[in-house]
Amino acid sequence: MAASCASTLPSLSFVSSSSSSSRRFRRSGVVAMASVGQKVYAPGVAVSEGNGGLQKIDLKSPHGSEAEIYLFGACVTSFKVPNGKDLLFVRPDAVFNGQKPISGGIPHCFPQFGPGPMQQHGFARNVNWSITDSEVMEGDPTVTLELKDDSYSRSMWDFSFHALYKVSLHSTSLSTTLEIINTDVKPFSFNSALHTYFSASIAGVSVKGLKGCKTLNKDPDPKNPLEGKEEREEVTFPGFVDCIYLGAPSELILDNGLGDKIAIANSNWSDAVLWNPHLQMEACYKDFVCVENAKIEMVQLEPKQSWVAEQKIELV
């Protein structure tokens, strides 16, 4: 049973962020290298051409799990557990042209969640990130991507920043760590989310752990969310759902309706969002559900300060 919204955060077994800026990996204290073109990556980390000619990273664990990450948007588009099931979903209308965010997997919302003064969900999902590190820990591959401000980001959000996104693949879980660093001489504020799409059979989907949370329900009017409180032990999706849960617990349990139960754990993502478009997306709404870790309240960072949030998706 997932913790209630009033519960305290337990200690989560996330992989800590590496401070190394070189492309190397460590195993039992020995540094070893494997080259791909002119770059060096850890075993189990490979870069190749994906859909639309976009570069992608393939992670492979010796335990049989696999993940795929596009450098465009630092978007994780696939996470397959050893039995071959892909727990993530990419919409059939997704485009891979480097112009529009990839619709599916785990897109970033930064430095804005939802609509606002800049483009929907900010710009981090609509630009190329770069690989800054890779390593192997107990046989499992990890890669770290980075994003820094440029003229495009500054045209919408005039601040200097450094974002690091670490993705670690394990036998039945995928962990991510997002760090935002203020490299400017002035403070800035932002909010953020991981807009995760899970493969699902929507008629059988339920999410446990949100009872007691304050809700901001965007149905029927997204511009004027209705405040409320979640009274259900299990949230289901009989129709259109677009709801923010403030003060969400450190773990939710998703039944994807396909015979799988998935623990969605977090540290410092203080809120959650549930979304399914129902008939607004008639071609595919039955095949996915979005369960998103989010930080709805604005985070303010002074110069040289950083903010870190972690997520772990695990088949249970």
C-alpha atoms as a PDB file:
ATOM      1  CA  MET A   1       0.000   0.000   0.000  1.00  0.00           C
ATOM      2  CA  ALA A   2       1.445   3.394  -0.946  1.00  0.00           C
ATOM      3  CA  ALA A   3       2.081   5.957   1.739  1.00  0.00           C
ATOM      4  CA  SER A   4      -0.540   8.596   2.422  1.00  0.00           C
ATOM      5  CA  CYS A   5       0.020  12.234   1.481  1.00  0.00           C
ATOM      6  CA  ALA A   6       0.844  13.069   5.074  1.00  0.00           C
ATOM      7  CA  SER A   7       3.631  10.514   5.314  1.00  0.00           C
ATOM      8  CA  THR A   8       7.292  11.409   5.644  1.00  0.00           C
ATOM      9  CA  LEU A   9       9.777  10.738   2.857  1.00  0.00           C
ATOM     10  CA  PRO A  10      11.616   7.426   3.265  1.00  0.00           C
ATOM     11  CA  SER A  11      15.206   6.986   2.237  1.00  0.00           C
ATOM     12  CA  LEU A  12      15.285   6.037  -1.428  1.00  0.00           C
ATOM     13  CA  SER A  13      18.041   3.981  -3.000  1.00  0.00           C
ATOM     14  CA  PHE A  14      18.907   6.302  -5.873  1.00  0.00           C
ATOM     15  CA  VAL A  15      22.304   6.323  -7.510  1.00  0.00           C
ATOM     16  CA  SER A  16      24.170   9.451  -6.479  1.00  0.00           C
ATOM     17  CA  SER A  17      25.242  11.992  -9.083  1.00  0.00           C
ATOM     18  CA  SER A  18      28.777  11.831 -10.414  1.00  0.00           C
ATOM     19  CA  SER A  19      30.919  14.943 -10.292  1.00  0.00           C
ATOM     20  CA  SER A  20      33.171  13.779 -13.112  1.00  0.00           C
ATOM     21  CA  SER A  21      33.023  15.752 -16.335  1.00  0.00           C
ATOM     22  CA  SER A  22      35.041  13.237 -18.345  1.00  0.00           C
ATOM     23  CA  ARG A  23      33.534  10.441 -20.362  1.00  0.00           C
ATOM     24  CA  ARG A  24      34.662   7.422 -18.380  1.00  0.00           C
ATOM     25  CA  PHE A  25      33.344   4.593 -16.299  1.00  0.00           C
ATOM     26  CA  ARG A  26      34.472   2.927 -13.139  1.00  0.00           C
ATOM     27  CA  ARG A  27      34.333  -0.699 -12.109  1.00  0.00           C
ATOM     28  CA  SER A  28      35.808  -1.818  -8.761  1.00  0.00           C
ATOM     29  CA  GLY A  29      37.982   1.255  -8.682  1.00  0.00           C
ATOM     30  CA  VAL A  30      39.526   0.545 -12.097  1.00  0.00           C
ATOM     31  CA  VAL A  31      38.954   3.062 -14.885  1.00  0.00           C
ATOM     32  CA  ALA A  32      38.365   1.432 -18.255  1.00  0.00           C
ATOM     33  CA  MET A  33      37.199   2.834 -21.565  1.00  0.00           C
ATOM     34  CA  ALA A  34      35.320   1.886 -24.693  1.00  0.00           C
ATOM     35  CA  SER A  35      35.287   4.161 -27.727  1.00  0.00           C
ATOM     36  CA  VAL A  36      32.425   5.022 -30.067  1.00  0.00           C
ATOM     37  CA  GLY A  37      33.711   7.207 -32.867  1.00  0.00           C
ATOM     38  CA  GLN A  38      35.732   9.996 -31.289  1.00  0.00           C
ATOM     39  CA  LYS A  39      33.949   9.733 -27.944  1.00  0.00           C
ATOM     40  CA  VAL A  40      34.319   7.323 -25.044  1.00  0.00           C
ATOM     41  CA  TYR A  41      31.371   5.665 -23.328  1.00  0.00           C
ATOM     42  CA  ALA A  42      30.903   2.996 -20.703  1.00  0.00           C
ATOM     43  CA  PRO A  43      29.963  -0.572 -21.691  1.00  0.00           C
ATOM     44  CA  GLY A  44      26.201  -0.784 -22.033  1.00  0.00           C
ATOM     45  CA  VAL A  45      26.078   2.827 -23.261  1.00  0.00           C
ATOM     46  CA  ALA A  46      25.946   3.296 -27.049  1.00  0.00           C
ATOM     47  CA  VAL A  47      25.049   6.251 -29.265  1.00  0.00           C
ATOM     48  CA  SER A  48      23.323   5.663 -32.581  1.00  0.00           C
ATOM     49  CA  GLU A  49      21.006   7.269 -35.093  1.00  0.00           C
ATOM     50  CA  GLY A  50      17.349   7.056 -34.119  1.00  0.00           C
ATOM     51  CA  ASN A  51      14.068   8.107 -35.692  1.00  0.00           C
ATOM     52  CA  GLY A  52      14.320  11.102 -37.983  1.00  0.00           C
ATOM     53  CA  GLY A  53      18.103  10.905 -37.883  1.00  0.00           C
ATOM     54  CA  LEU A  54      18.162  12.164 -34.314  1.00  0.00           C
ATOM     55  CA  GLN A  55      20.908  10.862 -32.039  1.00  0.00           C
ATOM     56  CA  LYS A  56      19.877   8.508 -29.277  1.00  0.00           C
ATOM     57  CA  ILE A  57      21.558   6.679 -26.411  1.00  0.00           C
ATOM     58  CA  ASP A  58      20.914   2.984 -25.878  1.00  0.00           C
ATOM     59  CA  LEU A  59      21.434   1.647 -22.370  1.00  0.00           C
ATOM     60  CA  LYS A  60      21.672  -2.116 -21.856  1.00  0.00           C
ATOM     61  CA  SER A  61      21.975  -3.864 -18.514  1.00  0.00           C
ATOM     62  CA  PRO A  62      23.475  -7.349 -18.178  1.00  0.00           C
ATOM     63  CA  HIS A  63      20.274  -8.205 -16.306  1.00  0.00           C
ATOM     64  CA  GLY A  64      18.294  -7.870 -19.554  1.00  0.00           C
ATOM     65  CA  SER A  65      16.725  -4.440 -19.173  1.00  0.00           C
ATOM     66  CA  GLU A  66      17.098  -1.729 -21.819  1.00  0.00           C
ATOM     67  CA  ALA A  67      16.434   2.004 -22.122  1.00  0.00           C
ATOM     68  CA  GLU A  68      16.544   4.532 -24.928  1.00  0.00           C
ATOM     69  CA  ILE A  69      17.182   8.273 -24.542  1.00  0.00           C
ATOM     70  CA  TYR A  70      17.073  10.872 -27.304  1.00  0.00           C
ATOM     71  CA  LEU A  71      19.514  13.752 -26.979  1.00  0.00           C
ATOM     72  CA  PHE A  72      16.750  15.978 -28.326  1.00  0.00           C
ATOM     73  CA  GLY A  73      14.902  16.937 -25.165  1.00  0.00           C
ATOM     74  CA  ALA A  74      16.890  14.391 -23.105  1.00  0.00           C
ATOM     75  CA  CYS A  75      13.734  12.337 -23.583  1.00  0.00           C
ATOM     76  CA  VAL A  76      13.696   8.735 -22.340  1.00  0.00           C
ATOM     77  CA  THR A  77      11.528   7.038 -24.967  1.00  0.00           C
ATOM     78  CA  SER A  78      11.784   3.407 -23.883  1.00  0.00           C
ATOM     79  CA  PHE A  79      12.348   1.372 -20.722  1.00  0.00           C
ATOM     80  CA  LYS A  80      12.108  -2.367 -21.258  1.00  0.00           C
ATOM     81  CA  VAL A  81      12.280  -4.729 -18.297  1.00  0.00           C
ATOM     82  CA  PRO A  82      13.869  -8.200 -18.695  1.00  0.00           C
ATOM     83  CA  ASN A  83      10.601  -9.835 -19.785  1.00  0.00           C
ATOM     84  CA  GLY A  84      10.622  -7.547 -22.847  1.00  0.00           C
ATOM     85  CA  LYS A  85       7.747  -5.276 -21.807  1.00  0.00           C
ATOM     86  CA  ASP A  86       8.203  -1.586 -22.457  1.00  0.00           C
ATOM     87  CA  LEU A  87       6.791   0.296 -19.477  1.00  0.00           C
ATOM     88  CA  LEU A  88       6.816   3.611 -21.357  1.00  0.00           C
ATOM     89  CA  PHE A  89       4.665   4.808 -24.255  1.00  0.00           C
ATOM     90  CA  VAL A  90       5.377   7.033 -27.247  1.00  0.00           C
ATOM     91  CA  ARG A  91       2.315   8.438 -28.967  1.00  0.00           C
ATOM     92  CA  PRO A  92       1.678   7.468 -32.609  1.00  0.00           C
ATOM     93  CA  ASP A  93       1.536  11.173 -33.494  1.00  0.00           C
ATOM     94  CA  ALA A  94       5.025  11.800 -32.062  1.00  0.00           C
ATOM     95  CA  VAL A  95       7.421  13.497 -34.467  1.00  0.00           C
ATOM     96  CA  PHE A  96      11.194  13.111 -34.523  1.00  0.00           C
ATOM     97  CA  ASN A  97      12.224  16.144 -36.542  1.00  0.00           C
ATOM     98  CA  GLY A  98      14.198  18.161 -34.014  1.00  0.00           C
ATOM     99  CA  GLN A  99      11.625  20.938 -34.224  1.00  0.00           C
ATOM    100  CA  LYS A 100       8.818  19.722 -31.985  1.00  0.00           C
ATOM    101  CA  PRO A 101       9.057  17.998 -28.564  1.00  0.00           C
ATOM    102  CA  ILE A 102       8.821  14.202 -28.633  1.00  0.00           C
ATOM    103  CA  SER A 103       5.328  13.228 -27.487  1.00  0.00           C
ATOM    104  CA  GLY A 104       5.873  10.291 -25.177  1.00  0.00           C
ATOM    105  CA  GLY A 105       8.343   8.610 -22.870  1.00  0.00           C
ATOM    106  CA  ILE A 106       9.620  11.015 -20.210  1.00  0.00           C
ATOM    107  CA  PRO A 107       9.701  14.576 -21.573  1.00  0.00           C
ATOM    108  CA  HIS A 108      11.065  17.447 -19.475  1.00  0.00           C
ATOM    109  CA  CYS A 109       9.032  20.428 -18.329  1.00  0.00           C
ATOM    110  CA  PHE A 110      11.558  23.183 -17.486  1.00  0.00           C
ATOM    111  CA  PRO A 111      11.713  26.021 -16.566  1.00  0.00           C
ATOM    112  CA  GLN A 112       7.935  26.135 -16.833  1.00  0.00           C
ATOM    113  CA  PHE A 113       5.248  23.529 -16.230  1.00  0.00           C
ATOM    114  CA  GLY A 114       2.117  24.025 -18.319  1.00  0.00           C
ATOM    115  CA  PRO A 115       1.174  27.257 -20.086  1.00  0.00           C
ATOM    116  CA  GLY A 116       2.751  30.575 -19.147  1.00  0.00           C
ATOM    117  CA  PRO A 117       4.947  33.385 -20.479  1.00  0.00           C
ATOM    118  CA  MET A 118       7.001  31.021 -22.648  1.00  0.00           C
ATOM    119  CA  GLN A 119       6.170  28.015 -24.834  1.00  0.00           C
ATOM    120  CA  GLN A 120       4.106  25.202 -23.292  1.00  0.00           C
ATOM    121  CA  HIS A 121       6.155  23.310 -20.663  1.00  0.00           C
ATOM    122  CA  GLY A 122       9.231  25.460 -21.299  1.00  0.00           C
ATOM    123  CA  PHE A 123      12.137  24.821 -23.662  1.00  0.00           C
ATOM    124  CA  ALA A 124      14.167  21.933 -22.171  1.00  0.00           C
ATOM    125  CA  ARG A 125      12.173  19.305 -24.093  1.00  0.00           C
ATOM    126  CA  ASN A 126      12.690  21.170 -27.367  1.00  0.00           C
ATOM    127  CA  VAL A 127      16.498  21.459 -27.541  1.00  0.00           C
ATOM    128  CA  ASN A 128      19.484  19.161 -27.849  1.00  0.00           C
ATOM    129  CA  TRP A 129      21.237  18.074 -24.666  1.00  0.00           C
ATOM    130  CA  SER A 130      24.777  16.692 -24.665  1.00  0.00           C
ATOM    131  CA  ILE A 131      26.458  13.717 -22.994  1.00  0.00           C
ATOM    132  CA  THR A 132      28.829  14.752 -20.237  1.00  0.00           C
ATOM    133  CA  ASP A 133      29.518  11.450 -18.431  1.00  0.00           C
ATOM    134  CA  SER A 134      28.880   7.713 -18.460  1.00  0.00           C
ATOM    135  CA  GLU A 135      29.787   4.960 -16.037  1.00  0.00           C
ATOM    136  CA  VAL A 136      29.027   1.427 -14.920  1.00  0.00           C
ATOM    137  CA  MET A 137      27.985   0.673 -11.351  1.00  0.00           C
ATOM    138  CA  GLU A 138      27.628  -2.982 -10.379  1.00  0.00           C
ATOM    139  CA  GLY A 139      27.201  -3.826 -14.056  1.00  0.00           C
ATOM    140  CA  ASP A 140      24.433  -1.308 -14.671  1.00  0.00           C
ATOM    141  CA  PRO A 141      24.965   1.579 -17.109  1.00  0.00           C
ATOM    142  CA  THR A 142      24.475   5.241 -16.237  1.00  0.00           C
ATOM    143  CA  VAL A 143      24.655   8.305 -18.465  1.00  0.00           C
ATOM    144  CA  THR A 144      24.582  11.998 -17.560  1.00  0.00           C
ATOM    145  CA  LEU A 145      23.304  14.647 -19.977  1.00  0.00           C
ATOM    146  CA  GLU A 146      23.657  18.385 -19.662  1.00  0.00           C
ATOM    147  CA  LEU A 147      21.985  21.534 -20.906  1.00  0.00           C
ATOM    148  CA  LYS A 148      23.207  25.112 -20.657  1.00  0.00           C
ATOM    149  CA  ASP A 149      21.629  28.411 -21.588  1.00  0.00           C
ATOM    150  CA  ASP A 150      22.052  29.769 -25.104  1.00  0.00           C
ATOM    151  CA  SER A 151      20.488  32.482 -27.273  1.00  0.00           C
ATOM    152  CA  TYR A 152      17.374  30.328 -27.825  1.00  0.00           C
ATOM    153  CA  SER A 153      16.705  29.755 -24.120  1.00  0.00           C
ATOM    154  CA  ARG A 154      17.559  33.362 -23.257  1.00  0.00           C
ATOM    155  CA  SER A 155      15.014  34.626 -25.778  1.00  0.00           C
ATOM    156  CA  MET A 156      12.356  33.157 -23.467  1.00  0.00           C
ATOM    157  CA  TRP A 157      14.094  33.023 -20.083  1.00  0.00           C
ATOM    158  CA  ASP A 158      17.023  35.410 -19.725  1.00  0.00           C
ATOM    159  CA  PHE A 159      19.135  33.533 -17.190  1.00  0.00           C
ATOM    160  CA  SER A 160      22.354  31.540 -17.116  1.00  0.00           C
ATOM    161  CA  PHE A 161      21.858  27.982 -15.860  1.00  0.00           C
ATOM    162  CA  HIS A 162      23.331  24.480 -15.978  1.00  0.00           C
ATOM    163  CA  ALA A 163      21.042  21.422 -15.976  1.00  0.00           C
ATOM    164  CA  LEU A 164      22.350  17.900 -15.373  1.00  0.00           C
ATOM    165  CA  TYR A 165      20.178  14.830 -15.968  1.00  0.00           C
ATOM    166  CA  LYS A 166      21.470  11.448 -14.836  1.00  0.00           C
ATOM    167  CA  VAL A 167      19.727   8.275 -16.034  1.00  0.00           C
ATOM    168  CA  SER A 168      20.597   4.943 -14.395  1.00  0.00           C
ATOM    169  CA  LEU A 169      19.314   1.607 -15.681  1.00  0.00           C
ATOM    170  CA  HIS A 170      18.880  -1.353 -13.320  1.00  0.00           C
ATOM    171  CA  SER A 171      17.355  -4.819 -13.711  1.00  0.00           C
ATOM    172  CA  THR A 172      13.744  -3.800 -13.023  1.00  0.00           C
ATOM    173  CA  SER A 173      14.023  -0.056 -12.446  1.00  0.00           C
ATOM    174  CA  LEU A 174      15.049   3.216 -14.060  1.00  0.00           C
ATOM    175  CA  SER A 175      16.322   6.092 -11.896  1.00  0.00           C
ATOM    176  CA  THR A 176      16.707   9.709 -12.946  1.00  0.00           C
ATOM    177  CA  THR A 177      18.300  12.645 -11.157  1.00  0.00           C
ATOM    178  CA  LEU A 178      17.704  16.208 -12.342  1.00  0.00           C
ATOM    179  CA  GLU A 179      19.938  18.982 -11.016  1.00  0.00           C
ATOM    180  CA  ILE A 180      19.388  22.656 -11.838  1.00  0.00           C
ATOM    181  CA  ILE A 181      22.281  25.016 -11.035  1.00  0.00           C
ATOM    182  CA  ASN A 182      22.061  28.808 -11.066  1.00  0.00           C
ATOM    183  CA  THR A 183      25.198  29.987 -12.894  1.00  0.00           C
ATOM    184  CA  ASP A 184      23.906  33.547 -13.199  1.00  0.00           C
ATOM    185  CA  VAL A 185      24.786  36.595 -11.077  1.00  0.00           C
ATOM    186  CA  LYS A 186      21.127  37.111 -10.197  1.00  0.00           C
ATOM    187  CA  PRO A 187      18.463  34.820  -8.682  1.00  0.00           C
ATOM    188  CA  PHE A 188      15.915  33.019 -10.830  1.00  0.00           C
ATOM    189  CA  SER A 189      12.774  30.948 -10.251  1.00  0.00           C
ATOM    190  CA  PHE A 190      11.241  28.019 -12.126  1.00  0.00           C
ATOM    191  CA  ASN A 191       8.965  25.042 -11.826  1.00  0.00           C
ATOM    192  CA  SER A 192       9.335  21.651 -13.428  1.00  0.00           C
ATOM    193  CA  ALA A 193       7.951  18.168 -14.056  1.00  0.00           C
ATOM    194  CA  LEU A 194       8.707  14.847 -15.711  1.00  0.00           C
ATOM    195  CA  HIS A 195       5.763  14.301 -18.057  1.00  0.00           C
ATOM    196  CA  THR A 196       5.961  10.491 -17.956  1.00  0.00           C
ATOM    197  CA  TYR A 197       3.807   8.435 -20.344  1.00  0.00           C
ATOM    198  CA  PHE A 198       3.224   4.837 -19.219  1.00  0.00           C
ATOM    199  CA  SER A 199       1.951   2.063 -21.482  1.00  0.00           C
ATOM    200  CA  ALA A 200      -1.494   1.116 -20.228  1.00  0.00           C
ATOM    201  CA  SER A 201      -4.936  -0.261 -20.890  1.00  0.00           C
ATOM    202  CA  ILE A 202      -6.802   2.753 -19.576  1.00  0.00           C
ATOM    203  CA  ALA A 203      -9.984   0.908 -18.592  1.00  0.00           C
ATOM    204  CA  GLY A 204      -7.980  -1.099 -16.045  1.00  0.00           C
ATOM    205  CA  VAL A 205      -5.666   1.650 -14.797  1.00  0.00           C
ATOM    206  CA  SER A 206      -5.563   2.765 -11.172  1.00  0.00           C
ATOM    207  CA  VAL A 207      -3.169   4.876  -9.091  1.00  0.00           C
ATOM    208  CA  LYS A 208      -2.833   4.363  -5.330  1.00  0.00           C
ATOM    209  CA  GLY A 209      -1.329   6.708  -2.776  1.00  0.00           C
ATOM    210  CA  LEU A 210      -3.030  10.055  -3.430  1.00  0.00           C
ATOM    211  CA  LYS A 211      -5.841   9.913  -0.879  1.00  0.00           C
ATOM    212  CA  GLY A 212      -5.874  13.062   1.246  1.00  0.00           C
ATOM    213  CA  CYS A 213      -3.948  15.234  -1.227  1.00  0.00           C
ATOM    214  CA  LYS A 214      -5.136  18.700  -2.145  1.00  0.00           C
ATOM    215  CA  THR A 215      -6.232  18.672  -5.786  1.00  0.00           C
ATOM    216  CA  LEU A 216      -6.331  21.234  -8.569  1.00  0.00           C
ATOM    217  CA  ASN A 217      -8.705  19.677 -11.073  1.00  0.00           C
ATOM    218  CA  LYS A 218      -8.498  21.083 -14.598  1.00  0.00           C
ATOM    219  CA  ASP A 219     -11.699  19.327 -15.674  1.00  0.00           C
ATOM    220  CA  PRO A 220     -13.840  20.936 -16.996  1.00  0.00           C
ATOM    221  CA  ASP A 221     -11.988  24.296 -17.197  1.00  0.00           C
ATOM    222  CA  PRO A 222      -8.176  24.081 -17.481  1.00  0.00           C
ATOM    223  CA  LYS A 223      -7.840  27.835 -16.947  1.00  0.00           C
ATOM    224  CA  ASN A 224      -9.749  27.745 -13.671  1.00  0.00           C
ATOM    225  CA  PRO A 225      -8.809  24.571 -11.765  1.00  0.00           C
ATOM    226  CA  LEU A 226     -11.203  23.471  -9.058  1.00  0.00           C
ATOM    227  CA  GLU A 227      -9.633  23.057  -5.620  1.00  0.00           C
ATOM    228  CA  GLY A 228     -10.565  19.925  -3.751  1.00  0.00           C
ATOM    229  CA  LYS A 229      -9.299  16.927  -1.814  1.00  0.00           C
ATOM    230  CA  GLU A 230      -8.756  13.393  -3.080  1.00  0.00           C
ATOM    231  CA  GLU A 231     -11.026  10.989  -1.172  1.00  0.00           C
ATOM    232  CA  ARG A 232     -10.398   7.842  -3.204  1.00  0.00           C
ATOM    233  CA  GLU A 233      -7.971   5.074  -2.286  1.00  0.00           C
ATOM    234  CA  GLU A 234      -7.539   4.351  -5.989  1.00  0.00           C
ATOM    235  CA  VAL A 235      -7.830   6.937  -8.731  1.00  0.00           C
ATOM    236  CA  THR A 236      -9.263   5.532 -11.975  1.00  0.00           C
ATOM    237  CA  PHE A 237      -9.709   6.976 -15.469  1.00  0.00           C
ATOM    238  CA  PRO A 238     -13.305   6.577 -16.674  1.00  0.00           C
ATOM    239  CA  GLY A 239     -13.040   9.738 -18.790  1.00  0.00           C
ATOM    240  CA  PHE A 240     -10.921  12.851 -19.263  1.00  0.00           C
ATOM    241  CA  VAL A 241      -8.501  13.365 -16.353  1.00  0.00           C
ATOM    242  CA  ASP A 242      -6.162  16.331 -15.829  1.00  0.00           C
ATOM    243  CA  CYS A 243      -5.480  16.862 -12.146  1.00  0.00           C
ATOM    244  CA  ILE A 244      -2.623  18.224 -10.023  1.00  0.00           C
ATOM    245  CA  TYR A 245      -2.031  16.680  -6.581  1.00  0.00           C
ATOM    246  CA  LEU A 246      -0.203  18.991  -4.200  1.00  0.00           C
ATOM    247  CA  GLY A 247       1.944  17.505  -1.455  1.00  0.00           C
ATOM    248  CA  ALA A 248       2.013  14.067  -3.049  1.00  0.00           C
ATOM    249  CA  PRO A 249       3.684  11.176  -1.207  1.00  0.00           C
ATOM    250  CA  SER A 250       7.131   9.813  -1.937  1.00  0.00           C
ATOM    251  CA  GLU A 251       5.709   6.772  -3.743  1.00  0.00           C
ATOM    252  CA  LEU A 252       2.689   5.997  -5.894  1.00  0.00           C
ATOM    253  CA  ILE A 253       1.639   2.580  -7.165  1.00  0.00           C
ATOM    254  CA  LEU A 254       0.405   2.399 -10.741  1.00  0.00           C
ATOM    255  CA  ASP A 255      -1.591  -0.584 -11.995  1.00  0.00           C
ATOM    256  CA  ASN A 256      -1.236  -0.151 -15.750  1.00  0.00           C
ATOM    257  CA  GLY A 257      -4.141  -2.444 -16.614  1.00  0.00           C
ATOM    258  CA  LEU A 258      -1.755  -4.727 -18.502  1.00  0.00           C
ATOM    259  CA  GLY A 259      -0.888  -6.975 -15.577  1.00  0.00           C
ATOM    260  CA  ASP A 260       1.926  -4.830 -14.186  1.00  0.00           C
ATOM    261  CA  LYS A 261       2.281  -2.831 -11.001  1.00  0.00           C
ATOM    262  CA  ILE A 262       4.818  -0.024 -11.077  1.00  0.00           C
ATOM    263  CA  ALA A 263       6.175   1.896  -8.099  1.00  0.00           C
ATOM    264  CA  ILE A 264       6.829   5.548  -8.961  1.00  0.00           C
ATOM    265  CA  ALA A 265       9.070   6.922  -6.218  1.00  0.00           C
ATOM    266  CA  ASN A 266      10.484  10.386  -5.849  1.00  0.00           C
ATOM    267  CA  SER A 267      12.673  12.608  -3.740  1.00  0.00           C
ATOM    268  CA  ASN A 268      12.026  16.375  -3.871  1.00  0.00           C
ATOM    269  CA  TRP A 269       9.371  16.171  -6.573  1.00  0.00           C
ATOM    270  CA  SER A 270       6.732  17.440  -4.160  1.00  0.00           C
ATOM    271  CA  ASP A 271       3.636  17.080  -6.352  1.00  0.00           C
ATOM    272  CA  ALA A 272       2.046  14.742  -8.886  1.00  0.00           C
ATOM    273  CA  VAL A 273      -0.046  15.135 -12.020  1.00  0.00           C
ATOM    274  CA  LEU A 274      -2.421  12.595 -13.564  1.00  0.00           C
ATOM    275  CA  TRP A 275      -3.477  13.023 -17.176  1.00  0.00           C
ATOM    276  CA  ASN A 276      -5.367  11.125 -19.822  1.00  0.00           C
ATOM    277  CA  PRO A 277      -6.943  13.070 -22.704  1.00  0.00           C
ATOM    278  CA  HIS A 278      -9.765  10.580 -23.353  1.00  0.00           C
ATOM    279  CA  LEU A 279     -11.636  11.473 -26.554  1.00  0.00           C
ATOM    280  CA  GLN A 280      -9.464  14.531 -27.179  1.00  0.00           C
ATOM    281  CA  MET A 281      -6.897  11.991 -28.414  1.00  0.00           C
ATOM    282  CA  GLU A 282      -9.164   9.232 -29.651  1.00  0.00           C
ATOM    283  CA  ALA A 283      -6.450   7.399 -31.617  1.00  0.00           C
ATOM    284  CA  CYS A 284      -4.372   6.408 -28.590  1.00  0.00           C
ATOM    285  CA  TYR A 285      -5.878   7.477 -25.240  1.00  0.00           C
ATOM    286  CA  LYS A 286      -6.739   3.875 -24.369  1.00  0.00           C
ATOM    287  CA  ASP A 287      -3.074   2.866 -24.577  1.00  0.00           C
ATOM    288  CA  PHE A 288      -1.376   5.205 -22.086  1.00  0.00           C
ATOM    289  CA  VAL A 289      -1.634   7.165 -18.865  1.00  0.00           C
ATOM    290  CA  CYS A 290       0.547  10.006 -17.637  1.00  0.00           C
ATOM    291  CA  VAL A 291       1.666   9.874 -14.002  1.00  0.00           C
ATOM    292  CA  GLU A 292       4.014  12.782 -13.520  1.00  0.00           C
ATOM    293  CA  ASN A 293       6.329  13.828 -10.734  1.00  0.00           C
ATOM    294  CA  ALA A 294       6.227  17.618 -10.520  1.00  0.00           C
ATOM    295  CA  LYS A 295       7.288  20.705  -8.609  1.00  0.00           C
ATOM    296  CA  ILE A 296       4.356  23.087  -9.001  1.00  0.00           C
ATOM    297  CA  GLU A 297       5.421  25.752  -6.509  1.00  0.00           C
ATOM    298  CA  MET A 298       8.147  27.992  -7.903  1.00  0.00           C
ATOM    299  CA  VAL A 299      11.699  27.124  -6.860  1.00  0.00           C
ATOM    300  CA  GLN A 300      13.930  30.154  -6.308  1.00  0.00           C
ATOM    301  CA  LEU A 301      17.675  29.747  -6.629  1.00  0.00           C
ATOM    302  CA  GLU A 302      20.259  32.318  -5.680  1.00  0.00           C
ATOM    303  CA  PRO A 303      23.506  32.481  -7.678  1.00  0.00           C
ATOM    304  CA  LYS A 304      25.551  29.253  -7.301  1.00  0.00           C
ATOM    305  CA  GLN A 305      22.657  27.448  -5.604  1.00  0.00           C
ATOM    306  CA  SER A 306      21.281  24.182  -7.005  1.00  0.00           C
ATOM    307  CA  TRP A 307      18.085  22.122  -6.797  1.00  0.00           C
ATOM    308  CA  VAL A 308      18.003  18.326  -7.155  1.00  0.00           C
ATOM    309  CA  ALA A 309      15.047  15.964  -7.651  1.00  0.00           C
ATOM    310  CA  GLU A 310      15.102  12.197  -8.154  1.00  0.00           C
ATOM    311  CA  GLN A 311      12.675   9.682  -9.608  1.00  0.00           C
ATOM    312  CA  LYS A 312      12.654   5.906  -9.637  1.00  0.00           C
ATOM    313  CA  ILE A 313      10.320   3.779 -11.766  1.00  0.00           C
ATOM    314  CA  GLU A 314      10.302   0.137 -10.708  1.00  0.00           C
ATOM    315  CA  LEU A 315       8.342  -2.936 -11.667  1.00  0.00           C
ATOM    316  CA  VAL A 316       7.050  -4.510  -8.449  1.00  0.00           C
END
